[in-house]
Amino acid sequence: MMIRIICIGKLKEKFLVDGVDEYKKRIEGFQKLQILELKEYNTSDISKNIENEGFEILEKINSDEHLITLEILGKKFDSITFSKYLEKQFIYGVSKITFVIGGSNGLSEEVKKRSNLHLSFSDMTFPHQLMRLILMEQLYRALTIMNHKEYHK
């Protein structure tokens, strides 16, 4: 089983890089993890930027991957339910779960259509770079819950 995170753009802030690195080490104690950073398009044509980013995302996804897109209007889980959702995918034999974090302008409709789960962590809007750290913390929390390790309270 592998978890992949596809992100638009590179992390710029040191505190985010440090946090992501820390959770990557922790997650890899339970599960293989791959983070793939794709180019962020910053032209004046926002719809074209979203389209180009979406094309690059879809190029990196295989048909057998379970795709979870992070979207503000997605389904909300508490941490235990999120853990159970992931565990169910593992039990059903999903070999790769891929999370997608779009750029600052969101995700293309094509990426959303391909998604198996539209996931939201909050009704609030977060910068996409911070969302990567939040996702990784929640993945680590879910894995500790699944493995009956002390972390989640």
N, C-alpha and C. Protein backbone atom coordinates (compact mmCIF):
# COMPACT_ATOMS: atom_id res chain seq x y z
N MET A 1 0.83 -1.18 0.00
CA MET A 1 0.00 0.00 0.00
C MET A 1 0.87 1.24 0.00
N MET A 2 0.49 2.20 -0.79
CA MET A 2 1.23 3.46 -0.86
C MET A 2 0.27 4.63 -0.79
N ILE A 3 0.71 5.67 -0.13
CA ILE A 3 -0.01 6.94 -0.11
C ILE A 3 0.81 7.94 -0.91
N ARG A 4 0.13 8.62 -1.82
CA ARG A 4 0.79 9.68 -2.59
C ARG A 4 0.05 10.98 -2.35
N ILE A 5 0.81 12.06 -2.35
CA ILE A 5 0.23 13.39 -2.28
C ILE A 5 0.75 14.15 -3.49
N ILE A 6 -0.19 14.58 -4.33
CA ILE A 6 0.16 15.40 -5.49
C ILE A 6 -0.22 16.83 -5.15
N CYS A 7 0.75 17.72 -5.25
CA CYS A 7 0.55 19.12 -4.87
C CYS A 7 0.94 20.03 -6.03
N ILE A 8 0.24 21.12 -6.13
CA ILE A 8 0.63 22.15 -7.07
C ILE A 8 1.55 23.13 -6.33
N GLY A 9 2.72 23.32 -6.86
CA GLY A 9 3.67 24.28 -6.29
C GLY A 9 4.59 23.66 -5.25
N LYS A 10 5.67 24.36 -5.01
CA LYS A 10 6.66 23.94 -4.01
C LYS A 10 6.44 24.72 -2.72
N LEU A 11 6.77 24.09 -1.61
CA LEU A 11 6.70 24.78 -0.33
C LEU A 11 7.76 25.87 -0.29
N LYS A 12 7.38 27.04 0.23
CA LYS A 12 8.30 28.16 0.27
C LYS A 12 8.74 28.51 1.69
N GLU A 13 7.87 28.35 2.64
CA GLU A 13 8.16 28.74 4.02
C GLU A 13 8.90 27.63 4.74
N LYS A 14 9.96 27.98 5.45
CA LYS A 14 10.77 26.99 6.17
C LYS A 14 9.95 26.21 7.19
N PHE A 15 9.06 26.89 7.92
CA PHE A 15 8.28 26.19 8.93
C PHE A 15 7.38 25.13 8.31
N LEU A 16 6.89 25.36 7.10
CA LEU A 16 6.08 24.35 6.41
C LEU A 16 6.95 23.19 5.94
N VAL A 17 8.10 23.50 5.38
CA VAL A 17 9.03 22.45 4.94
C VAL A 17 9.41 21.57 6.12
N ASP A 18 9.76 22.19 7.26
CA ASP A 18 10.15 21.44 8.45
C ASP A 18 9.00 20.56 8.96
N GLY A 19 7.79 21.11 8.99
CA GLY A 19 6.64 20.34 9.45
C GLY A 19 6.32 19.17 8.55
N VAL A 20 6.34 19.41 7.24
CA VAL A 20 6.08 18.34 6.28
C VAL A 20 7.15 17.26 6.38
N ASP A 21 8.40 17.65 6.51
CA ASP A 21 9.49 16.67 6.66
C ASP A 21 9.29 15.82 7.91
N GLU A 22 8.90 16.44 9.00
CA GLU A 22 8.69 15.71 10.26
C GLU A 22 7.56 14.69 10.11
N TYR A 23 6.43 15.12 9.56
CA TYR A 23 5.31 14.18 9.41
C TYR A 23 5.59 13.12 8.35
N LYS A 24 6.39 13.45 7.35
CA LYS A 24 6.78 12.44 6.35
C LYS A 24 7.55 11.31 7.03
N LYS A 25 8.48 11.66 7.90
CA LYS A 25 9.24 10.63 8.64
C LYS A 25 8.30 9.78 9.49
N ARG A 26 7.38 10.44 10.17
CA ARG A 26 6.44 9.72 11.04
C ARG A 26 5.54 8.78 10.23
N ILE A 27 5.00 9.28 9.14
CA ILE A 27 4.10 8.48 8.30
C ILE A 27 4.84 7.27 7.74
N GLU A 28 6.07 7.47 7.32
CA GLU A 28 6.84 6.37 6.72
C GLU A 28 7.17 5.28 7.73
N GLY A 29 6.94 5.52 9.01
CA GLY A 29 7.04 4.46 10.00
C GLY A 29 5.90 3.47 9.89
N PHE A 30 4.82 3.87 9.21
CA PHE A 30 3.65 3.01 9.02
C PHE A 30 3.43 2.62 7.56
N GLN A 31 3.71 3.55 6.66
CA GLN A 31 3.25 3.43 5.28
C GLN A 31 4.24 4.10 4.33
N LYS A 32 4.33 3.57 3.11
CA LYS A 32 5.12 4.25 2.09
C LYS A 32 4.40 5.55 1.72
N LEU A 33 5.18 6.60 1.53
CA LEU A 33 4.62 7.91 1.19
C LEU A 33 5.45 8.55 0.10
N GLN A 34 4.76 9.10 -0.88
CA GLN A 34 5.43 9.84 -1.95
C GLN A 34 4.74 11.20 -2.08
N ILE A 35 5.54 12.25 -2.15
CA ILE A 35 5.01 13.59 -2.38
C ILE A 35 5.52 14.06 -3.74
N LEU A 36 4.58 14.46 -4.58
CA LEU A 36 4.91 14.89 -5.93
C LEU A 36 4.48 16.35 -6.08
N GLU A 37 5.44 17.22 -6.32
CA GLU A 37 5.16 18.65 -6.51
C GLU A 37 5.14 18.95 -8.00
N LEU A 38 4.03 19.53 -8.44
CA LEU A 38 3.89 19.89 -9.85
C LEU A 38 3.96 21.40 -10.01
N LYS A 39 4.21 21.81 -11.22
CA LYS A 39 4.36 23.24 -11.52
C LYS A 39 3.06 24.00 -11.24
N GLU A 40 3.22 25.17 -10.61
CA GLU A 40 2.09 26.07 -10.42
C GLU A 40 2.12 27.10 -11.55
N TYR A 41 1.01 27.23 -12.26
CA TYR A 41 0.91 28.20 -13.35
C TYR A 41 0.43 29.53 -12.79
N ASN A 42 1.08 30.61 -13.18
CA ASN A 42 0.76 31.93 -12.64
C ASN A 42 0.60 32.98 -13.74
N THR A 43 -0.13 32.64 -14.78
CA THR A 43 -0.40 33.64 -15.82
C THR A 43 -1.63 34.44 -15.42
N SER A 44 -1.96 35.44 -16.20
CA SER A 44 -3.14 36.26 -15.90
C SER A 44 -4.45 35.53 -16.23
N ASP A 45 -4.37 34.43 -16.97
CA ASP A 45 -5.56 33.66 -17.35
C ASP A 45 -5.78 32.53 -16.33
N ILE A 46 -6.57 32.81 -15.30
CA ILE A 46 -6.77 31.87 -14.19
C ILE A 46 -7.37 30.56 -14.67
N SER A 47 -8.37 30.63 -15.56
CA SER A 47 -9.00 29.39 -16.02
C SER A 47 -8.00 28.52 -16.80
N LYS A 48 -7.12 29.15 -17.54
CA LYS A 48 -6.08 28.40 -18.27
C LYS A 48 -5.08 27.79 -17.29
N ASN A 49 -4.76 28.52 -16.22
CA ASN A 49 -3.86 27.98 -15.19
C ASN A 49 -4.46 26.72 -14.57
N ILE A 50 -5.74 26.79 -14.21
CA ILE A 50 -6.42 25.64 -13.60
C ILE A 50 -6.43 24.47 -14.58
N GLU A 51 -6.72 24.75 -15.84
CA GLU A 51 -6.75 23.71 -16.87
C GLU A 51 -5.37 23.05 -17.03
N ASN A 52 -4.32 23.85 -17.10
CA ASN A 52 -2.96 23.31 -17.26
C ASN A 52 -2.55 22.48 -16.05
N GLU A 53 -2.84 22.98 -14.85
CA GLU A 53 -2.51 22.23 -13.64
C GLU A 53 -3.29 20.92 -13.60
N GLY A 54 -4.57 20.98 -13.98
CA GLY A 54 -5.39 19.78 -14.02
C GLY A 54 -4.85 18.74 -14.98
N PHE A 55 -4.41 19.18 -16.14
CA PHE A 55 -3.82 18.27 -17.13
C PHE A 55 -2.60 17.58 -16.54
N GLU A 56 -1.73 18.34 -15.89
CA GLU A 56 -0.52 17.76 -15.30
C GLU A 56 -0.86 16.78 -14.18
N ILE A 57 -1.87 17.10 -13.38
CA ILE A 57 -2.30 16.19 -12.31
C ILE A 57 -2.77 14.87 -12.91
N LEU A 58 -3.67 14.96 -13.89
CA LEU A 58 -4.24 13.74 -14.48
C LEU A 58 -3.19 12.89 -15.18
N GLU A 59 -2.16 13.51 -15.72
CA GLU A 59 -1.06 12.75 -16.34
C GLU A 59 -0.34 11.87 -15.33
N LYS A 60 -0.37 12.24 -14.06
CA LYS A 60 0.38 11.52 -13.02
C LYS A 60 -0.45 10.45 -12.31
N ILE A 61 -1.72 10.32 -12.69
CA ILE A 61 -2.63 9.41 -11.98
C ILE A 61 -2.94 8.20 -12.86
N ASN A 62 -2.77 7.01 -12.29
CA ASN A 62 -3.12 5.77 -12.98
C ASN A 62 -4.59 5.45 -12.73
N SER A 63 -5.16 4.63 -13.59
CA SER A 63 -6.59 4.31 -13.49
C SER A 63 -6.94 3.51 -12.24
N ASP A 64 -5.97 2.79 -11.66
CA ASP A 64 -6.26 1.97 -10.49
C ASP A 64 -6.07 2.71 -9.16
N GLU A 65 -5.68 3.97 -9.21
CA GLU A 65 -5.47 4.72 -7.98
C GLU A 65 -6.79 5.21 -7.41
N HIS A 66 -6.88 5.18 -6.09
CA HIS A 66 -8.03 5.74 -5.38
C HIS A 66 -7.70 7.21 -5.15
N LEU A 67 -8.42 8.09 -5.81
CA LEU A 67 -8.10 9.51 -5.81
C LEU A 67 -8.99 10.27 -4.83
N ILE A 68 -8.35 11.04 -3.97
CA ILE A 68 -9.04 11.89 -3.00
C ILE A 68 -8.59 13.32 -3.25
N THR A 69 -9.54 14.17 -3.63
CA THR A 69 -9.23 15.58 -3.86
C THR A 69 -9.62 16.39 -2.63
N LEU A 70 -8.79 17.35 -2.27
CA LEU A 70 -9.09 18.23 -1.16
C LEU A 70 -9.81 19.46 -1.71
N GLU A 71 -11.05 19.63 -1.24
CA GLU A 71 -11.91 20.70 -1.76
C GLU A 71 -12.71 21.28 -0.61
N ILE A 72 -12.92 22.58 -0.65
CA ILE A 72 -13.66 23.23 0.43
C ILE A 72 -15.10 22.71 0.52
N LEU A 73 -15.68 22.30 -0.58
CA LEU A 73 -17.06 21.81 -0.58
C LEU A 73 -17.14 20.28 -0.49
N GLY A 74 -16.05 19.65 -0.12
CA GLY A 74 -16.03 18.20 -0.02
C GLY A 74 -16.68 17.67 1.25
N LYS A 75 -16.66 16.36 1.38
CA LYS A 75 -17.21 15.65 2.54
C LYS A 75 -16.30 15.86 3.74
N LYS A 76 -16.91 16.03 4.90
CA LYS A 76 -16.14 16.24 6.13
C LYS A 76 -16.20 14.99 7.00
N PHE A 77 -15.06 14.62 7.56
CA PHE A 77 -14.94 13.50 8.48
C PHE A 77 -14.31 14.01 9.77
N ASP A 78 -14.65 13.36 10.87
CA ASP A 78 -13.81 13.56 12.05
C ASP A 78 -12.60 12.63 11.88
N SER A 79 -11.62 12.74 12.77
CA SER A 79 -10.37 12.00 12.59
C SER A 79 -10.57 10.49 12.63
N ILE A 80 -11.45 10.01 13.49
CA ILE A 80 -11.68 8.57 13.59
C ILE A 80 -12.37 8.05 12.32
N THR A 81 -13.35 8.77 11.83
CA THR A 81 -14.04 8.37 10.60
C THR A 81 -13.09 8.39 9.41
N PHE A 82 -12.22 9.38 9.36
CA PHE A 82 -11.21 9.45 8.30
C PHE A 82 -10.30 8.23 8.37
N SER A 83 -9.88 7.87 9.57
CA SER A 83 -9.04 6.69 9.76
C SER A 83 -9.76 5.43 9.28
N LYS A 84 -11.03 5.30 9.63
CA LYS A 84 -11.81 4.13 9.20
C LYS A 84 -11.98 4.10 7.69
N TYR A 85 -12.16 5.26 7.08
CA TYR A 85 -12.28 5.32 5.62
C TYR A 85 -11.00 4.80 4.96
N LEU A 86 -9.86 5.28 5.43
CA LEU A 86 -8.58 4.82 4.87
C LEU A 86 -8.39 3.33 5.11
N GLU A 87 -8.71 2.88 6.31
CA GLU A 87 -8.55 1.46 6.64
C GLU A 87 -9.41 0.59 5.73
N LYS A 88 -10.61 1.04 5.44
CA LYS A 88 -11.50 0.30 4.55
C LYS A 88 -10.87 0.17 3.15
N GLN A 89 -10.23 1.22 2.68
CA GLN A 89 -9.57 1.15 1.37
C GLN A 89 -8.45 0.11 1.39
N PHE A 90 -7.68 0.08 2.49
CA PHE A 90 -6.62 -0.91 2.62
C PHE A 90 -7.20 -2.32 2.62
N ILE A 91 -8.29 -2.53 3.36
CA ILE A 91 -8.93 -3.85 3.45
C ILE A 91 -9.45 -4.30 2.09
N TYR A 92 -10.02 -3.36 1.33
CA TYR A 92 -10.55 -3.69 0.00
C TYR A 92 -9.45 -3.89 -1.04
N GLY A 93 -8.21 -3.74 -0.65
CA GLY A 93 -7.11 -4.03 -1.55
C GLY A 93 -6.65 -2.89 -2.44
N VAL A 94 -7.05 -1.67 -2.10
CA VAL A 94 -6.56 -0.52 -2.87
C VAL A 94 -5.05 -0.44 -2.67
N SER A 95 -4.30 -0.42 -3.75
CA SER A 95 -2.83 -0.44 -3.62
C SER A 95 -2.24 0.96 -3.51
N LYS A 96 -2.97 1.97 -3.98
CA LYS A 96 -2.44 3.32 -3.93
C LYS A 96 -3.57 4.32 -3.70
N ILE A 97 -3.44 5.10 -2.64
CA ILE A 97 -4.35 6.20 -2.38
C ILE A 97 -3.59 7.48 -2.69
N THR A 98 -4.18 8.30 -3.55
CA THR A 98 -3.54 9.54 -3.95
C THR A 98 -4.41 10.72 -3.54
N PHE A 99 -3.81 11.62 -2.79
CA PHE A 99 -4.46 12.87 -2.40
C PHE A 99 -3.98 13.96 -3.33
N VAL A 100 -4.90 14.85 -3.72
CA VAL A 100 -4.53 15.96 -4.59
C VAL A 100 -4.89 17.27 -3.91
N ILE A 101 -3.88 18.14 -3.82
CA ILE A 101 -4.07 19.50 -3.32
C ILE A 101 -3.83 20.43 -4.50
N GLY A 102 -4.86 21.14 -4.91
CA GLY A 102 -4.74 22.04 -6.04
C GLY A 102 -3.94 23.28 -5.71
N GLY A 103 -3.78 24.12 -6.70
CA GLY A 103 -3.08 25.39 -6.51
C GLY A 103 -3.99 26.42 -5.87
N SER A 104 -3.54 27.65 -5.86
CA SER A 104 -4.29 28.71 -5.18
C SER A 104 -5.64 29.00 -5.84
N ASN A 105 -5.83 28.57 -7.08
CA ASN A 105 -7.10 28.79 -7.77
C ASN A 105 -8.00 27.56 -7.79
N GLY A 106 -7.59 26.48 -7.13
CA GLY A 106 -8.42 25.30 -7.04
C GLY A 106 -8.08 24.24 -8.08
N LEU A 107 -9.02 23.31 -8.26
CA LEU A 107 -8.83 22.16 -9.13
C LEU A 107 -9.72 22.26 -10.37
N SER A 108 -9.26 21.66 -11.45
CA SER A 108 -10.06 21.63 -12.68
C SER A 108 -11.25 20.68 -12.50
N GLU A 109 -12.26 20.90 -13.30
CA GLU A 109 -13.44 20.03 -13.26
C GLU A 109 -13.07 18.60 -13.65
N GLU A 110 -12.11 18.43 -14.55
CA GLU A 110 -11.69 17.10 -14.97
C GLU A 110 -11.08 16.32 -13.80
N VAL A 111 -10.28 17.00 -12.98
CA VAL A 111 -9.70 16.34 -11.80
C VAL A 111 -10.81 15.99 -10.81
N LYS A 112 -11.73 16.90 -10.60
CA LYS A 112 -12.84 16.64 -9.67
C LYS A 112 -13.68 15.46 -10.14
N LYS A 113 -13.91 15.35 -11.44
CA LYS A 113 -14.70 14.23 -11.97
C LYS A 113 -13.99 12.90 -11.76
N ARG A 114 -12.68 12.90 -11.80
CA ARG A 114 -11.90 11.66 -11.61
C ARG A 114 -11.83 11.23 -10.15
N SER A 115 -12.12 12.14 -9.25
CA SER A 115 -11.97 11.90 -7.81
C SER A 115 -12.95 10.85 -7.29
N ASN A 116 -12.44 9.95 -6.44
CA ASN A 116 -13.29 8.98 -5.75
C ASN A 116 -13.91 9.58 -4.49
N LEU A 117 -13.25 10.57 -3.92
CA LEU A 117 -13.76 11.24 -2.72
C LEU A 117 -13.34 12.69 -2.76
N HIS A 118 -14.32 13.58 -2.59
CA HIS A 118 -14.05 15.01 -2.46
C HIS A 118 -14.02 15.27 -0.95
N LEU A 119 -12.86 15.61 -0.42
CA LEU A 119 -12.65 15.71 1.02
C LEU A 119 -12.40 17.15 1.43
N SER A 120 -13.04 17.55 2.52
CA SER A 120 -12.82 18.88 3.09
C SER A 120 -12.45 18.73 4.55
N PHE A 121 -11.48 19.50 5.00
CA PHE A 121 -11.11 19.49 6.40
C PHE A 121 -11.79 20.62 7.17
N SER A 122 -12.44 21.55 6.46
CA SER A 122 -13.05 22.68 7.15
C SER A 122 -13.86 23.50 6.16
N ASP A 123 -14.79 24.30 6.69
CA ASP A 123 -15.48 25.28 5.85
C ASP A 123 -14.59 26.49 5.58
N MET A 124 -13.51 26.60 6.34
CA MET A 124 -12.59 27.72 6.17
C MET A 124 -11.68 27.47 4.97
N THR A 125 -11.14 28.55 4.44
CA THR A 125 -10.18 28.47 3.35
C THR A 125 -8.77 28.52 3.93
N PHE A 126 -7.91 27.61 3.47
CA PHE A 126 -6.52 27.57 3.89
C PHE A 126 -5.62 27.76 2.68
N PRO A 127 -4.45 28.36 2.86
CA PRO A 127 -3.49 28.39 1.75
C PRO A 127 -3.13 26.95 1.36
N HIS A 128 -2.98 26.71 0.06
CA HIS A 128 -2.74 25.33 -0.38
C HIS A 128 -1.44 24.77 0.18
N GLN A 129 -0.46 25.62 0.46
CA GLN A 129 0.79 25.11 1.03
C GLN A 129 0.59 24.67 2.48
N LEU A 130 -0.19 25.41 3.24
CA LEU A 130 -0.49 25.01 4.62
C LEU A 130 -1.34 23.75 4.63
N MET A 131 -2.21 23.60 3.63
CA MET A 131 -3.07 22.42 3.56
C MET A 131 -2.26 21.13 3.48
N ARG A 132 -1.09 21.20 2.86
CA ARG A 132 -0.24 20.02 2.77
C ARG A 132 0.17 19.55 4.17
N LEU A 133 0.55 20.49 5.02
CA LEU A 133 0.94 20.14 6.38
C LEU A 133 -0.25 19.61 7.17
N ILE A 134 -1.41 20.23 7.02
CA ILE A 134 -2.62 19.78 7.71
C ILE A 134 -2.97 18.36 7.26
N LEU A 135 -2.92 18.09 5.97
CA LEU A 135 -3.20 16.75 5.45
C LEU A 135 -2.24 15.73 6.05
N MET A 136 -0.97 16.06 6.08
CA MET A 136 0.01 15.10 6.58
C MET A 136 -0.19 14.82 8.06
N GLU A 137 -0.55 15.84 8.83
CA GLU A 137 -0.84 15.60 10.25
C GLU A 137 -2.03 14.67 10.39
N GLN A 138 -3.06 14.88 9.60
CA GLN A 138 -4.26 14.03 9.68
C GLN A 138 -3.98 12.62 9.18
N LEU A 139 -3.12 12.47 8.19
CA LEU A 139 -2.72 11.13 7.75
C LEU A 139 -1.98 10.41 8.87
N TYR A 140 -1.06 11.10 9.50
CA TYR A 140 -0.32 10.50 10.61
C TYR A 140 -1.28 10.12 11.74
N ARG A 141 -2.19 11.01 12.06
CA ARG A 141 -3.18 10.73 13.11
C ARG A 141 -4.00 9.49 12.74
N ALA A 142 -4.46 9.42 11.50
CA ALA A 142 -5.26 8.27 11.05
C ALA A 142 -4.47 6.97 11.17
N LEU A 143 -3.21 7.00 10.78
CA LEU A 143 -2.38 5.80 10.85
C LEU A 143 -2.13 5.38 12.30
N THR A 144 -1.98 6.33 13.21
CA THR A 144 -1.80 5.96 14.62
C THR A 144 -3.09 5.37 15.18
N ILE A 145 -4.23 5.88 14.76
CA ILE A 145 -5.51 5.32 15.19
C ILE A 145 -5.64 3.88 14.69
N MET A 146 -5.36 3.67 13.40
CA MET A 146 -5.45 2.33 12.81
C MET A 146 -4.53 1.33 13.49
N ASN A 147 -3.38 1.80 13.93
CA ASN A 147 -2.37 0.92 14.51
C ASN A 147 -2.37 0.95 16.04
N HIS A 148 -3.41 1.54 16.62
CA HIS A 148 -3.59 1.57 18.08
C HIS A 148 -2.37 2.15 18.79
N LYS A 149 -1.82 3.22 18.22
CA LYS A 149 -0.69 3.92 18.84
C LYS A 149 -1.21 5.17 19.54
N GLU A 150 -0.53 5.55 20.59
CA GLU A 150 -0.95 6.72 21.35
C GLU A 150 -0.54 7.99 20.61
N TYR A 151 -1.50 8.78 20.23
CA TYR A 151 -1.28 10.10 19.63
C TYR A 151 -2.61 10.84 19.65
N HIS A 152 -3.65 10.19 19.10
CA HIS A 152 -4.98 10.81 19.02
C HIS A 152 -5.64 10.80 20.39
N LYS A 153 -6.20 11.93 20.76
CA LYS A 153 -6.92 12.02 22.05
C LYS A 153 -8.33 12.47 21.83
